[in-house]
C-alpha atoms as a PDB file:
ATOM      1  CA  UNK A   1       0.000   0.000   0.000  1.00  0.00           C
ATOM      2  CA  UNK A   2       1.424   3.370  -1.021  1.00  0.00           C
ATOM      3  CA  UNK A   3       1.896   5.916   1.737  1.00  0.00           C
ATOM      4  CA  UNK A   4       3.843   9.047   2.519  1.00  0.00           C
ATOM      5  CA  UNK A   5       7.022   8.104   4.430  1.00  0.00           C
ATOM      6  CA  UNK A   6       8.632  11.560   4.482  1.00  0.00           C
ATOM      7  CA  UNK A   7       9.018  13.816   7.559  1.00  0.00           C
ATOM      8  CA  UNK A   8       5.563  14.513   9.019  1.00  0.00           C
ATOM      9  CA  UNK A   9       6.513  17.848  10.589  1.00  0.00           C
ATOM     10  CA  UNK A  10       7.412  19.320   7.197  1.00  0.00           C
ATOM     11  CA  UNK A  11       3.830  18.720   6.080  1.00  0.00           C
ATOM     12  CA  UNK A  12       2.439  20.740   8.997  1.00  0.00           C
ATOM     13  CA  UNK A  13       4.895  23.556   8.337  1.00  0.00           C
ATOM     14  CA  UNK A  14       4.001  23.610   4.643  1.00  0.00           C
ATOM     15  CA  UNK A  15       0.289  23.951   5.401  1.00  0.00           C
ATOM     16  CA  UNK A  16       0.889  26.479   8.180  1.00  0.00           C
ATOM     17  CA  UNK A  17      -1.302  24.628  10.685  1.00  0.00           C
ATOM     18  CA  UNK A  18      -0.894  21.755  13.127  1.00  0.00           C
ATOM     19  CA  UNK A  19      -2.233  18.609  11.460  1.00  0.00           C
ATOM     20  CA  UNK A  20      -1.490  16.466  14.552  1.00  0.00           C
ATOM     21  CA  UNK A  21       0.307  13.844  12.466  1.00  0.00           C
ATOM     22  CA  UNK A  22       2.485  12.842  15.438  1.00  0.00           C
ATOM     23  CA  UNK A  23      -0.219  12.711  18.070  1.00  0.00           C
ATOM     24  CA  UNK A  24       0.672  13.977  21.541  1.00  0.00           C
ATOM     25  CA  UNK A  25       4.101  15.256  20.393  1.00  0.00           C
ATOM     26  CA  UNK A  26       2.249  18.012  18.515  1.00  0.00           C
ATOM     27  CA  UNK A  27       1.035  19.395  21.850  1.00  0.00           C
ATOM     28  CA  UNK A  28       4.560  19.848  23.245  1.00  0.00           C
ATOM     29  CA  UNK A  29       7.318  22.405  22.704  1.00  0.00           C
ATOM     30  CA  UNK A  30       9.004  19.880  20.385  1.00  0.00           C
ATOM     31  CA  UNK A  31       6.397  20.574  17.682  1.00  0.00           C
ATOM     32  CA  UNK A  32       8.219  21.857  14.594  1.00  0.00           C
ATOM     33  CA  UNK A  33       5.553  24.402  13.656  1.00  0.00           C
ATOM     34  CA  UNK A  34       5.912  25.975  17.118  1.00  0.00           C
ATOM     35  CA  UNK A  35       9.634  26.422  16.566  1.00  0.00           C
ATOM     36  CA  UNK A  36       9.507  27.410  12.891  1.00  0.00           C
ATOM     37  CA  UNK A  37       6.111  28.720  11.837  1.00  0.00           C
ATOM     38  CA  UNK A  38       6.984  29.060   8.160  1.00  0.00           C
ATOM     39  CA  UNK A  39       7.142  26.654   5.196  1.00  0.00           C
ATOM     40  CA  UNK A  40      10.222  24.408   4.876  1.00  0.00           C
ATOM     41  CA  UNK A  41      12.943  25.068   2.319  1.00  0.00           C
ATOM     42  CA  UNK A  42      15.312  27.919   1.582  1.00  0.00           C
ATOM     43  CA  UNK A  43      12.502  30.180   0.332  1.00  0.00           C
ATOM     44  CA  UNK A  44      10.142  29.367   3.188  1.00  0.00           C
ATOM     45  CA  UNK A  45      10.426  32.760   4.909  1.00  0.00           C
ATOM     46  CA  UNK A  46       9.771  34.746   1.741  1.00  0.00           C
ATOM     47  CA  UNK A  47       6.215  36.077   1.702  1.00  0.00           C
ATOM     48  CA  UNK A  48       4.358  35.460  -1.540  1.00  0.00           C
ATOM     49  CA  UNK A  49       0.888  36.453  -2.678  1.00  0.00           C
ATOM     50  CA  UNK A  50      -1.021  33.255  -3.374  1.00  0.00           C
ATOM     51  CA  UNK A  51      -3.226  32.900  -6.458  1.00  0.00           C
ATOM     52  CA  UNK A  52      -6.724  31.386  -6.430  1.00  0.00           C
ATOM     53  CA  UNK A  53      -5.291  28.163  -7.804  1.00  0.00           C
ATOM     54  CA  UNK A  54      -2.628  28.181  -5.096  1.00  0.00           C
ATOM     55  CA  UNK A  55      -5.249  28.501  -2.354  1.00  0.00           C
ATOM     56  CA  UNK A  56      -7.314  25.680  -3.872  1.00  0.00           C
ATOM     57  CA  UNK A  57      -4.240  23.445  -4.127  1.00  0.00           C
ATOM     58  CA  UNK A  58      -3.159  24.141  -0.553  1.00  0.00           C
ATOM     59  CA  UNK A  59      -6.630  23.304   0.775  1.00  0.00           C
ATOM     60  CA  UNK A  60      -6.628  20.012  -1.100  1.00  0.00           C
ATOM     61  CA  UNK A  61      -3.139  19.148   0.106  1.00  0.00           C
ATOM     62  CA  UNK A  62      -4.093  19.985   3.692  1.00  0.00           C
ATOM     63  CA  UNK A  63      -7.079  17.624   3.706  1.00  0.00           C
ATOM     64  CA  UNK A  64      -5.062  14.868   2.003  1.00  0.00           C
ATOM     65  CA  UNK A  65      -2.384  15.125   4.668  1.00  0.00           C
ATOM     66  CA  UNK A  66      -4.831  15.225   7.574  1.00  0.00           C
ATOM     67  CA  UNK A  67      -6.237  11.834   6.558  1.00  0.00           C
ATOM     68  CA  UNK A  68      -2.990  10.393   5.211  1.00  0.00           C
ATOM     69  CA  UNK A  69      -4.168   9.584   1.685  1.00  0.00           C
ATOM     70  CA  UNK A  70      -2.332  10.059  -1.592  1.00  0.00           C
ATOM     71  CA  UNK A  71      -3.547  11.821  -4.721  1.00  0.00           C
ATOM     72  CA  UNK A  72      -5.070   8.880  -6.581  1.00  0.00           C
ATOM     73  CA  UNK A  73      -7.076   7.741  -3.565  1.00  0.00           C
ATOM     74  CA  UNK A  74      -8.165  11.283  -2.732  1.00  0.00           C
ATOM     75  CA  UNK A  75      -9.343  11.769  -6.311  1.00  0.00           C
ATOM     76  CA  UNK A  76     -11.350   8.544  -5.988  1.00  0.00           C
ATOM     77  CA  UNK A  77     -13.048   9.871  -2.847  1.00  0.00           C
ATOM     78  CA  UNK A  78     -13.909  13.089  -4.661  1.00  0.00           C
ATOM     79  CA  UNK A  79     -15.462  11.196  -7.589  1.00  0.00           C
ATOM     80  CA  UNK A  80     -17.524   9.129  -5.144  1.00  0.00           C
ATOM     81  CA  UNK A  81     -18.708  12.316  -3.420  1.00  0.00           C
ATOM     82  CA  UNK A  82     -19.532  13.897  -6.778  1.00  0.00           C
ATOM     83  CA  UNK A  83     -21.733  10.931  -7.751  1.00  0.00           C
ATOM     84  CA  UNK A  84     -23.527  10.912  -4.394  1.00  0.00           C
ATOM     85  CA  UNK A  85     -26.565  12.966  -3.423  1.00  0.00           C
ATOM     86  CA  UNK A  86     -25.988  16.086  -1.369  1.00  0.00           C
ATOM     87  CA  UNK A  87     -23.257  18.719  -1.254  1.00  0.00           C
ATOM     88  CA  UNK A  88     -20.080  17.332  -2.834  1.00  0.00           C
ATOM     89  CA  UNK A  89     -17.616  18.983  -0.416  1.00  0.00           C
ATOM     90  CA  UNK A  90     -19.479  17.858   2.716  1.00  0.00           C
ATOM     91  CA  UNK A  91     -19.909  14.319   1.342  1.00  0.00           C
ATOM     92  CA  UNK A  92     -16.171  14.196   0.645  1.00  0.00           C
ATOM     93  CA  UNK A  93     -15.384  15.031   4.275  1.00  0.00           C
ATOM     94  CA  UNK A  94     -17.928  12.447   5.472  1.00  0.00           C
ATOM     95  CA  UNK A  95     -16.269   9.724   3.402  1.00  0.00           C
ATOM     96  CA  UNK A  96     -12.841  10.605   4.774  1.00  0.00           C
ATOM     97  CA  UNK A  97     -14.106  10.772   8.371  1.00  0.00           C
ATOM     98  CA  UNK A  98     -15.647   7.302   8.088  1.00  0.00           C
ATOM     99  CA  UNK A  99     -12.384   5.656   7.058  1.00  0.00           C
ATOM    100  CA  UNK A 100     -11.725   2.803   9.471  1.00  0.00           C
ATOM    101  CA  UNK A 101      -8.307   4.124  10.540  1.00  0.00           C
ATOM    102  CA  UNK A 102      -9.917   7.476  11.342  1.00  0.00           C
ATOM    103  CA  UNK A 103     -12.699   5.770  13.329  1.00  0.00           C
ATOM    104  CA  UNK A 104     -10.050   4.105  15.542  1.00  0.00           C
ATOM    105  CA  UNK A 105      -8.409   7.520  15.968  1.00  0.00           C
ATOM    106  CA  UNK A 106     -11.755   9.091  16.886  1.00  0.00           C
ATOM    107  CA  UNK A 107     -12.351   6.302  19.427  1.00  0.00           C
ATOM    108  CA  UNK A 108      -9.215   7.599  21.224  1.00  0.00           C
ATOM    109  CA  UNK A 109      -7.390   4.281  20.895  1.00  0.00           C
ATOM    110  CA  UNK A 110      -4.695   5.849  18.706  1.00  0.00           C
ATOM    111  CA  UNK A 111      -2.602   8.990  19.100  1.00  0.00           C
ATOM    112  CA  UNK A 112      -2.719   9.680  15.375  1.00  0.00           C
ATOM    113  CA  UNK A 113      -4.395   8.401  12.243  1.00  0.00           C
ATOM    114  CA  UNK A 114      -1.192   6.648  11.172  1.00  0.00           C
ATOM    115  CA  UNK A 115      -1.246   4.734  14.470  1.00  0.00           C
ATOM    116  CA  UNK A 116      -4.904   3.904  13.855  1.00  0.00           C
ATOM    117  CA  UNK A 117      -3.892   2.589  10.427  1.00  0.00           C
ATOM    118  CA  UNK A 118      -1.393   0.200  12.012  1.00  0.00           C
ATOM    119  CA  UNK A 119      -3.996  -1.115  14.461  1.00  0.00           C
ATOM    120  CA  UNK A 120      -6.289  -1.914  11.523  1.00  0.00           C
ATOM    121  CA  UNK A 121      -3.543  -3.468   9.388  1.00  0.00           C
ATOM    122  CA  UNK A 122      -2.452  -5.769  12.216  1.00  0.00           C
ATOM    123  CA  UNK A 123      -5.915  -7.346  12.261  1.00  0.00           C
ATOM    124  CA  UNK A 124      -7.163  -6.095  15.625  1.00  0.00           C
ATOM    125  CA  UNK A 125     -10.296  -4.394  14.249  1.00  0.00           C
ATOM    126  CA  UNK A 126     -13.665  -6.036  13.617  1.00  0.00           C
ATOM    127  CA  UNK A 127     -16.745  -4.603  11.910  1.00  0.00           C
ATOM    128  CA  UNK A 128     -20.001  -6.293  12.931  1.00  0.00           C
ATOM    129  CA  UNK A 129     -17.943  -9.204  14.239  1.00  0.00           C
ATOM    130  CA  UNK A 130     -15.898  -9.703  11.054  1.00  0.00           C
ATOM    131  CA  UNK A 131     -12.204  -8.873  10.920  1.00  0.00           C
ATOM    132  CA  UNK A 132     -11.353  -5.965   8.600  1.00  0.00           C
ATOM    133  CA  UNK A 133      -7.695  -5.125   7.976  1.00  0.00           C
ATOM    134  CA  UNK A 134      -8.235  -2.460   5.301  1.00  0.00           C
ATOM    135  CA  UNK A 135      -7.664   1.066   6.722  1.00  0.00           C
ATOM    136  CA  UNK A 136      -9.648   2.693   3.901  1.00  0.00           C
ATOM    137  CA  UNK A 137     -12.798   0.672   4.661  1.00  0.00           C
ATOM    138  CA  UNK A 138     -15.761   3.054   4.985  1.00  0.00           C
ATOM    139  CA  UNK A 139     -17.788   2.497   8.154  1.00  0.00           C
ATOM    140  CA  UNK A 140     -21.525   2.601   7.425  1.00  0.00           C
ATOM    141  CA  UNK A 141     -24.486   3.739   9.477  1.00  0.00           C
ATOM    142  CA  UNK A 142     -25.417   1.229  12.164  1.00  0.00           C
ATOM    143  CA  UNK A 143     -22.173  -0.734  11.963  1.00  0.00           C
ATOM    144  CA  UNK A 144     -20.316  -1.702  15.123  1.00  0.00           C
ATOM    145  CA  UNK A 145     -16.543  -1.282  15.174  1.00  0.00           C
ATOM    146  CA  UNK A 146     -14.681  -3.229  17.858  1.00  0.00           C
ATOM    147  CA  UNK A 147     -11.106  -4.102  18.792  1.00  0.00           C
ATOM    148  CA  UNK A 148     -10.110  -7.635  19.750  1.00  0.00           C
ATOM    149  CA  UNK A 149      -6.510  -8.266  20.742  1.00  0.00           C
ATOM    150  CA  UNK A 150      -4.230  -9.856  23.313  1.00  0.00           C
ATOM    151  CA  UNK A 151      -4.282  -8.671  26.925  1.00  0.00           C
ATOM    152  CA  UNK A 152      -1.027  -6.654  26.598  1.00  0.00           C
ATOM    153  CA  UNK A 153      -2.350  -4.922  23.481  1.00  0.00           C
ATOM    154  CA  UNK A 154      -5.678  -4.116  25.151  1.00  0.00           C
ATOM    155  CA  UNK A 155      -3.782  -2.753  28.149  1.00  0.00           C
ATOM    156  CA  UNK A 156      -1.796  -0.506  25.841  1.00  0.00           C
ATOM    157  CA  UNK A 157      -4.988   0.718  24.159  1.00  0.00           C
ATOM    158  CA  UNK A 158      -6.500   1.457  27.580  1.00  0.00           C
ATOM    159  CA  UNK A 159      -3.421   3.513  28.487  1.00  0.00           C
ATOM    160  CA  UNK A 160      -3.716   5.471  25.239  1.00  0.00           C
ATOM    161  CA  UNK A 161      -7.419   6.066  25.857  1.00  0.00           C
ATOM    162  CA  UNK A 162      -6.695   7.290  29.386  1.00  0.00           C
ATOM    163  CA  UNK A 163      -4.014   9.678  28.099  1.00  0.00           C
ATOM    164  CA  UNK A 164      -6.495  11.063  25.558  1.00  0.00           C
ATOM    165  CA  UNK A 165      -9.482  11.307  27.906  1.00  0.00           C
ATOM    166  CA  UNK A 166      -9.687  15.090  27.385  1.00  0.00           C
ATOM    167  CA  UNK A 167     -10.179  14.587  23.633  1.00  0.00           C
ATOM    168  CA  UNK A 168     -13.923  14.295  23.058  1.00  0.00           C
ATOM    169  CA  UNK A 169     -15.362  11.433  21.010  1.00  0.00           C
ATOM    170  CA  UNK A 170     -17.550  12.871  18.193  1.00  0.00           C
ATOM    171  CA  UNK A 171     -21.322  12.608  18.541  1.00  0.00           C
ATOM    172  CA  UNK A 172     -21.669  10.476  15.405  1.00  0.00           C
ATOM    173  CA  UNK A 173     -20.060   7.611  17.339  1.00  0.00           C
ATOM    174  CA  UNK A 174     -21.641   5.851  20.330  1.00  0.00           C
ATOM    175  CA  UNK A 175     -18.653   4.807  22.403  1.00  0.00           C
ATOM    176  CA  UNK A 176     -18.292   1.798  24.706  1.00  0.00           C
ATOM    177  CA  UNK A 177     -14.707   2.256  25.890  1.00  0.00           C
ATOM    178  CA  UNK A 178     -14.897  -0.550  28.462  1.00  0.00           C
ATOM    179  CA  UNK A 179     -15.578  -3.128  25.734  1.00  0.00           C
ATOM    180  CA  UNK A 180     -13.356  -1.390  23.151  1.00  0.00           C
ATOM    181  CA  UNK A 181     -16.116  -0.775  20.647  1.00  0.00           C
ATOM    182  CA  UNK A 182     -18.356   1.888  19.154  1.00  0.00           C
ATOM    183  CA  UNK A 183     -21.376   2.165  16.889  1.00  0.00           C
ATOM    184  CA  UNK A 184     -21.826   4.546  13.947  1.00  0.00           C
ATOM    185  CA  UNK A 185     -24.972   6.498  14.848  1.00  0.00           C
ATOM    186  CA  UNK A 186     -24.987   9.203  12.168  1.00  0.00           C
ATOM    187  CA  UNK A 187     -22.994  10.785   9.380  1.00  0.00           C
ATOM    188  CA  UNK A 188     -20.174  13.084  10.518  1.00  0.00           C
ATOM    189  CA  UNK A 189     -20.625  16.834  10.180  1.00  0.00           C
ATOM    190  CA  UNK A 190     -18.089  19.393   9.019  1.00  0.00           C
ATOM    191  CA  UNK A 191     -17.581  20.465  12.647  1.00  0.00           C
ATOM    192  CA  UNK A 192     -16.517  16.908  13.548  1.00  0.00           C
ATOM    193  CA  UNK A 193     -13.396  17.266  11.406  1.00  0.00           C
ATOM    194  CA  UNK A 194     -11.889  19.688  13.914  1.00  0.00           C
ATOM    195  CA  UNK A 195      -9.978  21.727  11.331  1.00  0.00           C
ATOM    196  CA  UNK A 196     -10.911  24.946   9.486  1.00  0.00           C
ATOM    197  CA  UNK A 197     -11.497  23.423   6.053  1.00  0.00           C
ATOM    198  CA  UNK A 198     -12.882  25.275   3.028  1.00  0.00           C
ATOM    199  CA  UNK A 199     -14.113  22.242   1.116  1.00  0.00           C
ATOM    200  CA  UNK A 200     -15.577  24.412  -1.647  1.00  0.00           C
ATOM    201  CA  UNK A 201     -12.028  25.284  -2.764  1.00  0.00           C
ATOM    202  CA  UNK A 202     -11.363  21.572  -3.339  1.00  0.00           C
ATOM    203  CA  UNK A 203     -14.550  21.244  -5.380  1.00  0.00           C
ATOM    204  CA  UNK A 204     -13.530  24.242  -7.483  1.00  0.00           C
ATOM    205  CA  UNK A 205     -10.063  22.785  -8.039  1.00  0.00           C
ATOM    206  CA  UNK A 206     -11.337  19.443  -9.324  1.00  0.00           C
ATOM    207  CA  UNK A 207     -14.131  21.044 -11.335  1.00  0.00           C
ATOM    208  CA  UNK A 208     -11.764  22.882 -13.697  1.00  0.00           C
END
């Protein structure tokens, strides 16, 4: 499976906002964007006026990097959203939010989405009682997502959940932390993303 293996902190600096790609580290003084709040590279501190296309591109890149998907997969999500009923930009965000690796992240059993991806890939995640090891699987309304693993692994997940207890679980998930499971109650909203996203810019970019 293709994935971005470059430095995560450079991505945050390029977008000019914390994307929380390294989990709890992003909340400390070690966060790169706290130290150097400008884009990476030798021309990073030069101020440039961005064109409309530049703003559209940056918004698309930001959303791609938040959810850890590459261009081809992101384009596929957009085409799915475009074919669906409703507002294309909102539907796109709903599809990304319902990715299985993101659901594990939202359940507070992973510090970051990349960690949630590993939990899924290692076969610890079940959907309606059936093992699913595909991080891009889209959780549907009414489905139950649970984690089944060895005692040491469950203990580690409990420790992660305790460390993240101040991070609220979104309302579209009904959480049962004691039994390491949740149920998809509704479709996510734009507010559930937790980032200031202008999804219309992405629609305009792909509609050219």
